[in-house]
Amino acid sequence: MYEGTLMFGVVFIAGYLFSALTQTRHALDNRHMQQAFLFVVFGIYFVWFWSRGQTLAMKTWHIRLVDHRGRPVSQARALVRYALAWLWFLPPLAVGGLWSLSGGELTVVMLGWITIWALLSRFHRERQFVHDALAGTRLIHHKPPEPAGARRRWWTP
């Protein structure tokens, strides 16, 4: 949820940039091209931050992305992870498109698929999501070290 809040700003800026560059005056004009543009912008955002270890939200929650050996991921591996992460959304969207599902029906299918996809991690020996297992990445807890000159409090909160 926190990552989504941060992504709102990215979408806002990217959408404004796209509209200004293409002179789009109506939200439905160039809709598919704008979606493709946002897909690329999201890819740049995630690949950039993942190849450096963590997104802004991941820093807050002390989560780090590493490869299966515990090393930082390359940009190529981060790109593969980004593409595979779309497996959370593409199958239900494809079903919705093939069967012309209404918004409510698509929401039910989407929530069902996301639940199933998330539960599959319970069957992985390291409790990793499928896209992480396929990409050769994993999420770890990473608390940054305290600065050397940090003062210690005399009381414990």
C-alpha atoms as a PDB file:
ATOM      1  CA  MET A   1       0.000   0.000   0.000  1.00  0.00           C
ATOM      2  CA  TYR A   2       2.819   2.389   0.866  1.00  0.00           C
ATOM      3  CA  GLU A   3       4.527   1.737  -2.467  1.00  0.00           C
ATOM      4  CA  GLY A   4       1.234   2.517  -4.192  1.00  0.00           C
ATOM      5  CA  THR A   5       1.030   5.844  -2.395  1.00  0.00           C
ATOM      6  CA  LEU A   6       4.495   6.753  -3.630  1.00  0.00           C
ATOM      7  CA  MET A   7       3.652   5.543  -7.123  1.00  0.00           C
ATOM      8  CA  PHE A   8       0.742   7.994  -7.219  1.00  0.00           C
ATOM      9  CA  GLY A   9       3.282  10.810  -7.514  1.00  0.00           C
ATOM     10  CA  VAL A  10       5.159   8.960 -10.253  1.00  0.00           C
ATOM     11  CA  VAL A  11       1.917   8.383 -12.183  1.00  0.00           C
ATOM     12  CA  PHE A  12       0.857  12.004 -11.755  1.00  0.00           C
ATOM     13  CA  ILE A  13       4.151  13.404 -13.077  1.00  0.00           C
ATOM     14  CA  ALA A  14       4.400  10.829 -15.882  1.00  0.00           C
ATOM     15  CA  GLY A  15       0.777  11.358 -16.902  1.00  0.00           C
ATOM     16  CA  TYR A  16       1.241  15.112 -16.966  1.00  0.00           C
ATOM     17  CA  LEU A  17       4.439  14.738 -19.012  1.00  0.00           C
ATOM     18  CA  PHE A  18       2.715  12.382 -21.461  1.00  0.00           C
ATOM     19  CA  SER A  19      -0.285  14.712 -21.844  1.00  0.00           C
ATOM     20  CA  ALA A  20       1.949  17.726 -22.392  1.00  0.00           C
ATOM     21  CA  LEU A  21       4.183  15.982 -24.939  1.00  0.00           C
ATOM     22  CA  THR A  22       1.309  14.477 -26.929  1.00  0.00           C
ATOM     23  CA  GLN A  23      -1.040  17.444 -26.505  1.00  0.00           C
ATOM     24  CA  THR A  24      -3.745  15.088 -25.214  1.00  0.00           C
ATOM     25  CA  ARG A  25      -6.838  17.067 -24.205  1.00  0.00           C
ATOM     26  CA  HIS A  26      -9.180  14.238 -23.221  1.00  0.00           C
ATOM     27  CA  ALA A  27      -8.375  11.413 -20.803  1.00  0.00           C
ATOM     28  CA  LEU A  28      -9.504   8.689 -23.205  1.00  0.00           C
ATOM     29  CA  ASP A  29      -7.474   9.982 -26.144  1.00  0.00           C
ATOM     30  CA  ASN A  30      -4.246   8.020 -26.615  1.00  0.00           C
ATOM     31  CA  ARG A  31      -5.287   5.773 -23.728  1.00  0.00           C
ATOM     32  CA  HIS A  32      -3.373   2.713 -24.885  1.00  0.00           C
ATOM     33  CA  MET A  33      -0.277   4.703 -25.712  1.00  0.00           C
ATOM     34  CA  GLN A  34      -0.421   6.326 -22.267  1.00  0.00           C
ATOM     35  CA  GLN A  35      -0.752   2.912 -20.616  1.00  0.00           C
ATOM     36  CA  ALA A  36       2.292   1.692 -22.530  1.00  0.00           C
ATOM     37  CA  PHE A  37       4.170   4.839 -21.489  1.00  0.00           C
ATOM     38  CA  LEU A  38       3.273   4.257 -17.831  1.00  0.00           C
ATOM     39  CA  PHE A  39       4.344   0.603 -18.117  1.00  0.00           C
ATOM     40  CA  VAL A  40       7.774   1.812 -19.254  1.00  0.00           C
ATOM     41  CA  VAL A  41       7.925   4.498 -16.543  1.00  0.00           C
ATOM     42  CA  PHE A  42       7.034   1.932 -13.858  1.00  0.00           C
ATOM     43  CA  GLY A  43       9.710  -0.360 -15.260  1.00  0.00           C
ATOM     44  CA  ILE A  44      12.328   2.380 -15.089  1.00  0.00           C
ATOM     45  CA  TYR A  45      11.291   3.247 -11.515  1.00  0.00           C
ATOM     46  CA  PHE A  46      11.385  -0.310 -10.200  1.00  0.00           C
ATOM     47  CA  VAL A  47      14.444  -1.501 -12.122  1.00  0.00           C
ATOM     48  CA  TRP A  48      16.390   1.582 -11.047  1.00  0.00           C
ATOM     49  CA  PHE A  49      15.583   1.202  -7.359  1.00  0.00           C
ATOM     50  CA  TRP A  50      15.713  -2.603  -7.235  1.00  0.00           C
ATOM     51  CA  SER A  51      19.159  -2.646  -8.841  1.00  0.00           C
ATOM     52  CA  ARG A  52      20.246  -0.377  -5.974  1.00  0.00           C
ATOM     53  CA  GLY A  53      18.668  -2.717  -3.442  1.00  0.00           C
ATOM     54  CA  GLN A  54      15.408  -1.084  -2.413  1.00  0.00           C
ATOM     55  CA  THR A  55      12.654   1.304  -3.372  1.00  0.00           C
ATOM     56  CA  LEU A  56      11.733   4.182  -1.085  1.00  0.00           C
ATOM     57  CA  ALA A  57       8.953   2.127   0.511  1.00  0.00           C
ATOM     58  CA  MET A  58      11.301  -0.834   0.969  1.00  0.00           C
ATOM     59  CA  LYS A  59      13.739   1.445   2.838  1.00  0.00           C
ATOM     60  CA  THR A  60      10.989   2.446   5.237  1.00  0.00           C
ATOM     61  CA  TRP A  61      10.136  -1.178   5.984  1.00  0.00           C
ATOM     62  CA  HIS A  62      13.812  -2.308   6.057  1.00  0.00           C
ATOM     63  CA  ILE A  63      13.354  -4.695   3.127  1.00  0.00           C
ATOM     64  CA  ARG A  64      16.105  -5.292   0.576  1.00  0.00           C
ATOM     65  CA  LEU A  65      16.070  -7.126  -2.752  1.00  0.00           C
ATOM     66  CA  VAL A  66      18.992  -9.503  -3.329  1.00  0.00           C
ATOM     67  CA  ASP A  67      19.747 -12.381  -5.658  1.00  0.00           C
ATOM     68  CA  HIS A  68      19.667 -16.011  -4.497  1.00  0.00           C
ATOM     69  CA  ARG A  69      23.252 -15.682  -3.189  1.00  0.00           C
ATOM     70  CA  GLY A  70      22.496 -12.558  -1.159  1.00  0.00           C
ATOM     71  CA  ARG A  71      24.214 -10.123  -3.529  1.00  0.00           C
ATOM     72  CA  PRO A  72      22.648  -6.968  -5.016  1.00  0.00           C
ATOM     73  CA  VAL A  73      20.666  -7.663  -8.184  1.00  0.00           C
ATOM     74  CA  SER A  74      21.777  -6.488 -11.595  1.00  0.00           C
ATOM     75  CA  GLN A  75      19.604  -4.282 -13.760  1.00  0.00           C
ATOM     76  CA  ALA A  76      18.949  -7.244 -16.058  1.00  0.00           C
ATOM     77  CA  ARG A  77      17.711  -9.377 -13.149  1.00  0.00           C
ATOM     78  CA  ALA A  78      15.627  -6.471 -11.852  1.00  0.00           C
ATOM     79  CA  LEU A  79      14.074  -6.128 -15.321  1.00  0.00           C
ATOM     80  CA  VAL A  80      13.235  -9.851 -15.364  1.00  0.00           C
ATOM     81  CA  ARG A  81      11.664  -9.486 -11.904  1.00  0.00           C
ATOM     82  CA  TYR A  82       9.619  -6.514 -13.127  1.00  0.00           C
ATOM     83  CA  ALA A  83       8.304  -8.473 -16.110  1.00  0.00           C
ATOM     84  CA  LEU A  84       7.494 -11.509 -13.974  1.00  0.00           C
ATOM     85  CA  ALA A  85       5.802  -9.379 -11.310  1.00  0.00           C
ATOM     86  CA  TRP A  86       3.120  -8.563 -13.877  1.00  0.00           C
ATOM     87  CA  LEU A  87       1.933 -12.161 -13.428  1.00  0.00           C
ATOM     88  CA  TRP A  88       0.058 -10.740 -10.419  1.00  0.00           C
ATOM     89  CA  PHE A  89      -2.218  -8.831 -12.822  1.00  0.00           C
ATOM     90  CA  LEU A  90      -1.996 -10.032 -16.429  1.00  0.00           C
ATOM     91  CA  PRO A  91      -3.856 -13.382 -16.195  1.00  0.00           C
ATOM     92  CA  PRO A  92      -7.050 -11.892 -14.706  1.00  0.00           C
ATOM     93  CA  LEU A  93      -6.838  -8.926 -17.084  1.00  0.00           C
ATOM     94  CA  ALA A  94      -6.533 -11.345 -20.020  1.00  0.00           C
ATOM     95  CA  VAL A  95      -9.541 -13.333 -18.762  1.00  0.00           C
ATOM     96  CA  GLY A  96     -11.494 -10.096 -18.362  1.00  0.00           C
ATOM     97  CA  GLY A  97     -10.650  -9.069 -21.903  1.00  0.00           C
ATOM     98  CA  LEU A  98     -11.473 -12.455 -23.429  1.00  0.00           C
ATOM     99  CA  TRP A  99     -14.821 -12.809 -21.670  1.00  0.00           C
ATOM    100  CA  SER A 100     -15.734  -9.095 -21.639  1.00  0.00           C
ATOM    101  CA  LEU A 101     -16.212  -9.059 -17.875  1.00  0.00           C
ATOM    102  CA  SER A 102     -17.824  -6.086 -16.175  1.00  0.00           C
ATOM    103  CA  GLY A 103     -15.835  -4.000 -13.715  1.00  0.00           C
ATOM    104  CA  GLY A 104     -17.305  -5.836 -10.720  1.00  0.00           C
ATOM    105  CA  GLU A 105     -16.665  -9.263 -12.217  1.00  0.00           C
ATOM    106  CA  LEU A 106     -13.112  -8.300 -13.126  1.00  0.00           C
ATOM    107  CA  THR A 107     -12.546  -7.058  -9.577  1.00  0.00           C
ATOM    108  CA  VAL A 108     -13.669 -10.417  -8.146  1.00  0.00           C
ATOM    109  CA  VAL A 109     -11.462 -12.346 -10.577  1.00  0.00           C
ATOM    110  CA  MET A 110      -8.523 -10.024  -9.841  1.00  0.00           C
ATOM    111  CA  LEU A 111      -8.880 -10.335  -6.059  1.00  0.00           C
ATOM    112  CA  GLY A 112      -9.249 -14.118  -6.335  1.00  0.00           C
ATOM    113  CA  TRP A 113      -6.154 -14.429  -8.518  1.00  0.00           C
ATOM    114  CA  ILE A 114      -4.053 -12.150  -6.289  1.00  0.00           C
ATOM    115  CA  THR A 115      -5.098 -14.183  -3.250  1.00  0.00           C
ATOM    116  CA  ILE A 116      -4.177 -17.467  -4.926  1.00  0.00           C
ATOM    117  CA  TRP A 117      -0.897 -16.027  -6.230  1.00  0.00           C
ATOM    118  CA  ALA A 118       0.024 -14.747  -2.754  1.00  0.00           C
ATOM    119  CA  LEU A 119      -0.896 -18.052  -1.095  1.00  0.00           C
ATOM    120  CA  LEU A 120       1.433 -19.919  -3.456  1.00  0.00           C
ATOM    121  CA  SER A 121       4.341 -18.376  -1.547  1.00  0.00           C
ATOM    122  CA  ARG A 122       3.362 -20.522   1.462  1.00  0.00           C
ATOM    123  CA  PHE A 123       4.369 -23.604  -0.539  1.00  0.00           C
ATOM    124  CA  HIS A 124       7.813 -22.334  -1.505  1.00  0.00           C
ATOM    125  CA  ARG A 125      10.544 -23.653   0.803  1.00  0.00           C
ATOM    126  CA  GLU A 126      11.834 -20.120   1.476  1.00  0.00           C
ATOM    127  CA  ARG A 127       8.339 -18.548   1.445  1.00  0.00           C
ATOM    128  CA  GLN A 128       9.163 -16.527  -1.677  1.00  0.00           C
ATOM    129  CA  PHE A 129       6.663 -15.278  -4.223  1.00  0.00           C
ATOM    130  CA  VAL A 130       6.616 -17.088  -7.555  1.00  0.00           C
ATOM    131  CA  HIS A 131       8.003 -14.130  -9.502  1.00  0.00           C
ATOM    132  CA  ASP A 132      10.950 -13.891  -7.076  1.00  0.00           C
ATOM    133  CA  ALA A 133      11.650 -17.616  -7.333  1.00  0.00           C
ATOM    134  CA  LEU A 134      11.560 -17.464 -11.135  1.00  0.00           C
ATOM    135  CA  ALA A 135      13.712 -14.304 -11.283  1.00  0.00           C
ATOM    136  CA  GLY A 136      16.284 -15.661  -8.822  1.00  0.00           C
ATOM    137  CA  THR A 137      15.646 -12.859  -6.336  1.00  0.00           C
ATOM    138  CA  ARG A 138      14.456 -12.684  -2.749  1.00  0.00           C
ATOM    139  CA  LEU A 139      13.393 -10.115  -0.224  1.00  0.00           C
ATOM    140  CA  ILE A 140      15.329  -9.941   3.038  1.00  0.00           C
ATOM    141  CA  HIS A 141      15.083  -7.916   6.228  1.00  0.00           C
ATOM    142  CA  HIS A 142      17.811  -5.266   6.166  1.00  0.00           C
ATOM    143  CA  LYS A 143      18.222  -2.852   9.061  1.00  0.00           C
ATOM    144  CA  PRO A 144      20.828  -0.200   8.165  1.00  0.00           C
ATOM    145  CA  PRO A 145      23.652   0.179  10.692  1.00  0.00           C
ATOM    146  CA  GLU A 146      23.509   3.076  13.137  1.00  0.00           C
ATOM    147  CA  PRO A 147      25.731   6.010  12.279  1.00  0.00           C
ATOM    148  CA  ALA A 148      29.054   5.921  14.137  1.00  0.00           C
ATOM    149  CA  GLY A 149      28.433   9.159  16.028  1.00  0.00           C
ATOM    150  CA  ALA A 150      24.839   8.386  17.004  1.00  0.00           C
ATOM    151  CA  ARG A 151      24.004   9.215  20.599  1.00  0.00           C
ATOM    152  CA  ARG A 152      22.377   6.542  22.677  1.00  0.00           C
ATOM    153  CA  ARG A 153      19.425   7.473  24.829  1.00  0.00           C
ATOM    154  CA  TRP A 154      19.741   6.785  28.523  1.00  0.00           C
ATOM    155  CA  TRP A 155      16.170   5.483  28.543  1.00  0.00           C
ATOM    156  CA  THR A 156      14.607   2.746  26.494  1.00  0.00           C
ATOM    157  CA  PRO A 157      11.392   3.656  24.680  1.00  0.00           C
END
